[in-house]
């Protein structure tokens, strides 16, 4: 039996294999970064470790929902847009808790964990770049999340350098706020794509688009 090919010319089974690999990579590295974040006392690294679980969930949902009708994919895309906000919320709560007494995290573990995260997220982004339009809003969510995670990892390393210089916990808290802004922007982009899919599904069914 021949492989199912997406309208854009992409093998659906290949797309599923890619997102499954990305999901496993993110799930494995979550335990590494989460453990380091707790030991180093870093709010921003903790938020990033939770984000690895979010990426795992997104890619597993793509693996399951790729063959769903356009309308159902649009709904799932909106759910993914909301899911992107989860790690930002975790970071925000932890940041708010520490505002009264910000403590500087340990720099070396934070830098090493962030370098590893760059490798994982960079690999994930590279794998997903060529198929980010194949699964509609779902694969777009996965690609945007991996891309933004690399930017966050670089920012965490920058925060560690500033912390080494100032011995202050404030850079870690400020970065938590930046993570929230990045997540909001990614969620908005994914929501927009899923809304386009919803309208396309209505058009294909002959419904009036209002």
C-alpha atoms as a PDB file:
ATOM      1  CA  UNK A   1       0.000   0.000   0.000  1.00  0.00           C
ATOM      2  CA  UNK A   2       1.378   3.413  -0.922  1.00  0.00           C
ATOM      3  CA  UNK A   3       2.053   6.028   1.747  1.00  0.00           C
ATOM      4  CA  UNK A   4      -0.545   8.706   2.448  1.00  0.00           C
ATOM      5  CA  UNK A   5       0.626  11.954   0.978  1.00  0.00           C
ATOM      6  CA  UNK A   6      -0.475  15.332   2.315  1.00  0.00           C
ATOM      7  CA  UNK A   7      -1.903  17.811  -0.260  1.00  0.00           C
ATOM      8  CA  UNK A   8       1.323  19.789   0.063  1.00  0.00           C
ATOM      9  CA  UNK A   9       3.235  16.696  -1.116  1.00  0.00           C
ATOM     10  CA  UNK A  10       4.476  15.626   2.310  1.00  0.00           C
ATOM     11  CA  UNK A  11       4.272  11.992   3.409  1.00  0.00           C
ATOM     12  CA  UNK A  12       1.924  11.936   6.414  1.00  0.00           C
ATOM     13  CA  UNK A  13       3.759   8.966   7.903  1.00  0.00           C
ATOM     14  CA  UNK A  14       7.041  10.896   7.679  1.00  0.00           C
ATOM     15  CA  UNK A  15       5.438  13.833   9.482  1.00  0.00           C
ATOM     16  CA  UNK A  16       4.192  11.517  12.224  1.00  0.00           C
ATOM     17  CA  UNK A  17       7.649  10.007  12.625  1.00  0.00           C
ATOM     18  CA  UNK A  18       9.220  13.458  12.941  1.00  0.00           C
ATOM     19  CA  UNK A  19       6.812  14.746  15.575  1.00  0.00           C
ATOM     20  CA  UNK A  20       7.162  11.516  17.552  1.00  0.00           C
ATOM     21  CA  UNK A  21      10.960  11.904  17.610  1.00  0.00           C
ATOM     22  CA  UNK A  22      10.572  15.528  18.720  1.00  0.00           C
ATOM     23  CA  UNK A  23       8.120  14.511  21.450  1.00  0.00           C
ATOM     24  CA  UNK A  24      10.526  11.893  22.831  1.00  0.00           C
ATOM     25  CA  UNK A  25      13.452  14.343  22.766  1.00  0.00           C
ATOM     26  CA  UNK A  26      11.465  16.933  24.712  1.00  0.00           C
ATOM     27  CA  UNK A  27      10.128  14.413  27.217  1.00  0.00           C
ATOM     28  CA  UNK A  28      13.606  13.077  27.975  1.00  0.00           C
ATOM     29  CA  UNK A  29      15.178  16.508  28.428  1.00  0.00           C
ATOM     30  CA  UNK A  30      12.386  17.694  30.716  1.00  0.00           C
ATOM     31  CA  UNK A  31      13.743  15.508  33.518  1.00  0.00           C
ATOM     32  CA  UNK A  32      17.261  16.844  33.013  1.00  0.00           C
ATOM     33  CA  UNK A  33      16.337  20.525  33.056  1.00  0.00           C
ATOM     34  CA  UNK A  34      13.720  20.204  35.791  1.00  0.00           C
ATOM     35  CA  UNK A  35      16.239  18.557  38.116  1.00  0.00           C
ATOM     36  CA  UNK A  36      18.902  21.177  37.367  1.00  0.00           C
ATOM     37  CA  UNK A  37      16.411  24.047  37.812  1.00  0.00           C
ATOM     38  CA  UNK A  38      15.410  22.832  41.264  1.00  0.00           C
ATOM     39  CA  UNK A  39      19.022  22.388  42.308  1.00  0.00           C
ATOM     40  CA  UNK A  40      20.151  25.749  40.923  1.00  0.00           C
ATOM     41  CA  UNK A  41      17.116  27.686  42.185  1.00  0.00           C
ATOM     42  CA  UNK A  42      16.329  29.274  38.800  1.00  0.00           C
ATOM     43  CA  UNK A  43      12.792  30.477  38.033  1.00  0.00           C
ATOM     44  CA  UNK A  44      13.461  30.953  34.318  1.00  0.00           C
ATOM     45  CA  UNK A  45      15.049  27.514  33.921  1.00  0.00           C
ATOM     46  CA  UNK A  46      12.147  25.965  35.814  1.00  0.00           C
ATOM     47  CA  UNK A  47       9.688  27.613  33.420  1.00  0.00           C
ATOM     48  CA  UNK A  48      11.682  26.344  30.456  1.00  0.00           C
ATOM     49  CA  UNK A  49      11.680  22.795  31.835  1.00  0.00           C
ATOM     50  CA  UNK A  50       7.882  22.858  32.122  1.00  0.00           C
ATOM     51  CA  UNK A  51       7.851  24.030  28.504  1.00  0.00           C
ATOM     52  CA  UNK A  52       9.493  20.758  27.468  1.00  0.00           C
ATOM     53  CA  UNK A  53       6.384  18.961  28.720  1.00  0.00           C
ATOM     54  CA  UNK A  54       4.209  21.349  26.711  1.00  0.00           C
ATOM     55  CA  UNK A  55       6.241  20.580  23.571  1.00  0.00           C
ATOM     56  CA  UNK A  56       5.878  16.870  24.285  1.00  0.00           C
ATOM     57  CA  UNK A  57       2.094  17.225  24.497  1.00  0.00           C
ATOM     58  CA  UNK A  58       1.857  19.311  21.316  1.00  0.00           C
ATOM     59  CA  UNK A  59       3.854  16.851  19.218  1.00  0.00           C
ATOM     60  CA  UNK A  60       2.021  13.825  20.596  1.00  0.00           C
ATOM     61  CA  UNK A  61      -1.291  15.492  19.745  1.00  0.00           C
ATOM     62  CA  UNK A  62      -0.067  16.080  16.188  1.00  0.00           C
ATOM     63  CA  UNK A  63       0.859  12.408  16.003  1.00  0.00           C
ATOM     64  CA  UNK A  64      -2.699  11.482  16.972  1.00  0.00           C
ATOM     65  CA  UNK A  65      -4.722  14.242  15.270  1.00  0.00           C
ATOM     66  CA  UNK A  66      -2.976  14.612  11.908  1.00  0.00           C
ATOM     67  CA  UNK A  67      -5.621  12.629  10.041  1.00  0.00           C
ATOM     68  CA  UNK A  68      -8.530  14.481  11.583  1.00  0.00           C
ATOM     69  CA  UNK A  69     -10.860  16.661   9.466  1.00  0.00           C
ATOM     70  CA  UNK A  70      -9.942  20.314   8.995  1.00  0.00           C
ATOM     71  CA  UNK A  71     -12.577  21.592  11.428  1.00  0.00           C
ATOM     72  CA  UNK A  72     -11.401  19.316  14.238  1.00  0.00           C
ATOM     73  CA  UNK A  73      -7.769  20.263  13.566  1.00  0.00           C
ATOM     74  CA  UNK A  74      -8.758  23.917  13.873  1.00  0.00           C
ATOM     75  CA  UNK A  75     -10.276  23.249  17.288  1.00  0.00           C
ATOM     76  CA  UNK A  76      -7.173  21.351  18.366  1.00  0.00           C
ATOM     77  CA  UNK A  77      -5.001  24.207  17.109  1.00  0.00           C
ATOM     78  CA  UNK A  78      -6.845  26.608  19.385  1.00  0.00           C
ATOM     79  CA  UNK A  79      -6.333  24.207  22.263  1.00  0.00           C
ATOM     80  CA  UNK A  80      -2.611  24.209  21.465  1.00  0.00           C
ATOM     81  CA  UNK A  81      -2.585  28.001  21.474  1.00  0.00           C
ATOM     82  CA  UNK A  82      -3.921  27.863  25.020  1.00  0.00           C
ATOM     83  CA  UNK A  83      -1.414  25.140  25.930  1.00  0.00           C
ATOM     84  CA  UNK A  84       1.476  27.420  24.948  1.00  0.00           C
ATOM     85  CA  UNK A  85       0.370  29.757  27.753  1.00  0.00           C
ATOM     86  CA  UNK A  86       0.779  27.078  30.448  1.00  0.00           C
ATOM     87  CA  UNK A  87       4.555  27.332  31.035  1.00  0.00           C
ATOM     88  CA  UNK A  88       4.334  31.131  30.998  1.00  0.00           C
ATOM     89  CA  UNK A  89       1.714  30.946  33.733  1.00  0.00           C
ATOM     90  CA  UNK A  90       3.937  28.659  35.808  1.00  0.00           C
ATOM     91  CA  UNK A  91       6.843  31.075  35.394  1.00  0.00           C
ATOM     92  CA  UNK A  92       4.643  34.028  36.294  1.00  0.00           C
ATOM     93  CA  UNK A  93       3.361  32.414  39.493  1.00  0.00           C
ATOM     94  CA  UNK A  94       6.859  31.447  40.601  1.00  0.00           C
ATOM     95  CA  UNK A  95       8.180  34.908  39.745  1.00  0.00           C
ATOM     96  CA  UNK A  96       5.411  36.565  41.755  1.00  0.00           C
ATOM     97  CA  UNK A  97       6.220  34.344  44.707  1.00  0.00           C
ATOM     98  CA  UNK A  98       9.883  35.373  44.645  1.00  0.00           C
ATOM     99  CA  UNK A  99       9.440  39.102  44.080  1.00  0.00           C
ATOM    100  CA  UNK A 100       9.586  39.770  47.816  1.00  0.00           C
ATOM    101  CA  UNK A 101      12.971  38.075  48.154  1.00  0.00           C
ATOM    102  CA  UNK A 102      14.721  37.366  44.814  1.00  0.00           C
ATOM    103  CA  UNK A 103      17.611  34.907  45.186  1.00  0.00           C
ATOM    104  CA  UNK A 104      20.324  34.579  42.554  1.00  0.00           C
ATOM    105  CA  UNK A 105      20.442  31.108  40.949  1.00  0.00           C
ATOM    106  CA  UNK A 106      23.631  29.072  40.600  1.00  0.00           C
ATOM    107  CA  UNK A 107      25.163  30.151  37.298  1.00  0.00           C
ATOM    108  CA  UNK A 108      27.163  27.149  36.007  1.00  0.00           C
ATOM    109  CA  UNK A 109      24.353  24.546  36.191  1.00  0.00           C
ATOM    110  CA  UNK A 110      21.964  27.023  34.532  1.00  0.00           C
ATOM    111  CA  UNK A 111      24.365  27.661  31.640  1.00  0.00           C
ATOM    112  CA  UNK A 112      25.123  23.967  31.067  1.00  0.00           C
ATOM    113  CA  UNK A 113      21.434  23.018  31.156  1.00  0.00           C
ATOM    114  CA  UNK A 114      20.589  25.843  28.750  1.00  0.00           C
ATOM    115  CA  UNK A 115      23.279  24.742  26.298  1.00  0.00           C
ATOM    116  CA  UNK A 116      21.787  21.260  26.318  1.00  0.00           C
ATOM    117  CA  UNK A 117      18.328  22.752  25.820  1.00  0.00           C
ATOM    118  CA  UNK A 118      19.572  24.705  22.802  1.00  0.00           C
ATOM    119  CA  UNK A 119      20.768  21.448  21.246  1.00  0.00           C
ATOM    120  CA  UNK A 120      17.426  19.724  21.885  1.00  0.00           C
ATOM    121  CA  UNK A 121      15.247  22.650  20.782  1.00  0.00           C
ATOM    122  CA  UNK A 122      17.471  23.451  17.818  1.00  0.00           C
ATOM    123  CA  UNK A 123      17.262  19.850  16.644  1.00  0.00           C
ATOM    124  CA  UNK A 124      13.488  19.891  17.125  1.00  0.00           C
ATOM    125  CA  UNK A 125      13.127  23.136  15.179  1.00  0.00           C
ATOM    126  CA  UNK A 126      15.310  21.806  12.378  1.00  0.00           C
ATOM    127  CA  UNK A 127      13.243  18.612  12.121  1.00  0.00           C
ATOM    128  CA  UNK A 128       9.966  20.541  12.107  1.00  0.00           C
ATOM    129  CA  UNK A 129      10.981  23.439   9.840  1.00  0.00           C
ATOM    130  CA  UNK A 130      10.301  21.578   6.611  1.00  0.00           C
ATOM    131  CA  UNK A 131       6.904  20.283   7.737  1.00  0.00           C
ATOM    132  CA  UNK A 132       5.579  23.197   9.779  1.00  0.00           C
ATOM    133  CA  UNK A 133       2.770  23.846   7.271  1.00  0.00           C
ATOM    134  CA  UNK A 134       1.907  20.181   6.692  1.00  0.00           C
ATOM    135  CA  UNK A 135      -0.246  19.752   9.791  1.00  0.00           C
ATOM    136  CA  UNK A 136      -1.880  23.166   9.762  1.00  0.00           C
ATOM    137  CA  UNK A 137      -2.112  24.927  13.108  1.00  0.00           C
ATOM    138  CA  UNK A 138      -0.860  21.847  14.942  1.00  0.00           C
ATOM    139  CA  UNK A 139       2.523  21.581  13.246  1.00  0.00           C
ATOM    140  CA  UNK A 140       2.763  25.377  13.237  1.00  0.00           C
ATOM    141  CA  UNK A 141       2.337  25.291  17.020  1.00  0.00           C
ATOM    142  CA  UNK A 142       5.110  22.731  17.381  1.00  0.00           C
ATOM    143  CA  UNK A 143       7.536  24.640  15.167  1.00  0.00           C
ATOM    144  CA  UNK A 144       6.864  28.004  16.808  1.00  0.00           C
ATOM    145  CA  UNK A 145       7.315  26.507  20.234  1.00  0.00           C
ATOM    146  CA  UNK A 146      10.671  24.919  19.319  1.00  0.00           C
ATOM    147  CA  UNK A 147      11.854  28.125  17.640  1.00  0.00           C
ATOM    148  CA  UNK A 148      10.886  30.306  20.578  1.00  0.00           C
ATOM    149  CA  UNK A 149      12.459  27.889  23.022  1.00  0.00           C
ATOM    150  CA  UNK A 150      15.885  28.394  21.430  1.00  0.00           C
ATOM    151  CA  UNK A 151      15.502  32.149  21.926  1.00  0.00           C
ATOM    152  CA  UNK A 152      14.535  31.591  25.546  1.00  0.00           C
ATOM    153  CA  UNK A 153      17.546  29.301  26.111  1.00  0.00           C
ATOM    154  CA  UNK A 154      19.906  31.981  24.775  1.00  0.00           C
ATOM    155  CA  UNK A 155      18.206  34.535  27.022  1.00  0.00           C
ATOM    156  CA  UNK A 156      18.657  32.252  30.038  1.00  0.00           C
ATOM    157  CA  UNK A 157      22.402  32.079  29.348  1.00  0.00           C
ATOM    158  CA  UNK A 158      22.485  35.870  29.101  1.00  0.00           C
ATOM    159  CA  UNK A 159      20.621  36.072  32.394  1.00  0.00           C
ATOM    160  CA  UNK A 160      23.217  33.773  33.994  1.00  0.00           C
ATOM    161  CA  UNK A 161      26.045  36.058  32.848  1.00  0.00           C
ATOM    162  CA  UNK A 162      24.298  39.112  34.300  1.00  0.00           C
ATOM    163  CA  UNK A 163      23.632  37.195  37.518  1.00  0.00           C
ATOM    164  CA  UNK A 164      27.319  36.297  37.786  1.00  0.00           C
ATOM    165  CA  UNK A 165      28.161  39.976  37.447  1.00  0.00           C
ATOM    166  CA  UNK A 166      25.516  41.382  39.803  1.00  0.00           C
ATOM    167  CA  UNK A 167      24.869  38.464  42.228  1.00  0.00           C
ATOM    168  CA  UNK A 168      21.212  39.482  42.026  1.00  0.00           C
ATOM    169  CA  UNK A 169      18.074  37.394  41.613  1.00  0.00           C
ATOM    170  CA  UNK A 170      16.295  40.114  39.646  1.00  0.00           C
ATOM    171  CA  UNK A 171      17.559  39.098  36.161  1.00  0.00           C
ATOM    172  CA  UNK A 172      15.974  35.671  36.678  1.00  0.00           C
ATOM    173  CA  UNK A 173      12.629  37.278  37.537  1.00  0.00           C
ATOM    174  CA  UNK A 174      12.772  39.736  34.635  1.00  0.00           C
ATOM    175  CA  UNK A 175      13.400  36.858  32.232  1.00  0.00           C
ATOM    176  CA  UNK A 176      10.299  35.125  33.585  1.00  0.00           C
ATOM    177  CA  UNK A 177       8.271  38.134  32.436  1.00  0.00           C
ATOM    178  CA  UNK A 178       9.933  37.964  29.002  1.00  0.00           C
ATOM    179  CA  UNK A 179       8.958  34.284  28.689  1.00  0.00           C
ATOM    180  CA  UNK A 180       5.344  35.288  29.249  1.00  0.00           C
ATOM    181  CA  UNK A 181       5.511  37.817  26.388  1.00  0.00           C
ATOM    182  CA  UNK A 182       7.064  35.283  24.001  1.00  0.00           C
ATOM    183  CA  UNK A 183       4.392  32.732  24.858  1.00  0.00           C
ATOM    184  CA  UNK A 184       1.610  35.269  24.288  1.00  0.00           C
ATOM    185  CA  UNK A 185       2.946  36.079  20.822  1.00  0.00           C
ATOM    186  CA  UNK A 186       3.305  32.405  19.845  1.00  0.00           C
ATOM    187  CA  UNK A 187      -0.189  31.630  21.112  1.00  0.00           C
ATOM    188  CA  UNK A 188      -1.627  34.507  19.079  1.00  0.00           C
ATOM    189  CA  UNK A 189       0.065  33.255  15.884  1.00  0.00           C
ATOM    190  CA  UNK A 190      -1.214  29.713  16.364  1.00  0.00           C
ATOM    191  CA  UNK A 191      -4.722  30.989  17.160  1.00  0.00           C
ATOM    192  CA  UNK A 192      -4.715  32.993  13.919  1.00  0.00           C
ATOM    193  CA  UNK A 193      -3.735  29.939  11.856  1.00  0.00           C
ATOM    194  CA  UNK A 194      -6.407  27.790  13.519  1.00  0.00           C
ATOM    195  CA  UNK A 195      -9.010  30.474  12.813  1.00  0.00           C
ATOM    196  CA  UNK A 196      -8.019  30.382   9.140  1.00  0.00           C
ATOM    197  CA  UNK A 197      -8.548  26.610   9.194  1.00  0.00           C
ATOM    198  CA  UNK A 198     -11.968  27.041  10.788  1.00  0.00           C
ATOM    199  CA  UNK A 199     -13.033  29.453   8.056  1.00  0.00           C
ATOM    200  CA  UNK A 200     -11.637  27.141   5.381  1.00  0.00           C
ATOM    201  CA  UNK A 201     -13.612  24.237   6.826  1.00  0.00           C
ATOM    202  CA  UNK A 202     -16.809  26.324   6.728  1.00  0.00           C
ATOM    203  CA  UNK A 203     -16.129  27.297   3.120  1.00  0.00           C
ATOM    204  CA  UNK A 204     -15.567  23.670   2.091  1.00  0.00           C
ATOM    205  CA  UNK A 205     -18.831  22.652   3.736  1.00  0.00           C
ATOM    206  CA  UNK A 206     -20.716  25.397   1.924  1.00  0.00           C
ATOM    207  CA  UNK A 207     -21.503  27.391   5.047  1.00  0.00           C
ATOM    208  CA  UNK A 208     -21.665  31.153   4.903  1.00  0.00           C
ATOM    209  CA  UNK A 209     -18.542  32.797   6.322  1.00  0.00           C
ATOM    210  CA  UNK A 210     -19.534  35.657   8.573  1.00  0.00           C
END
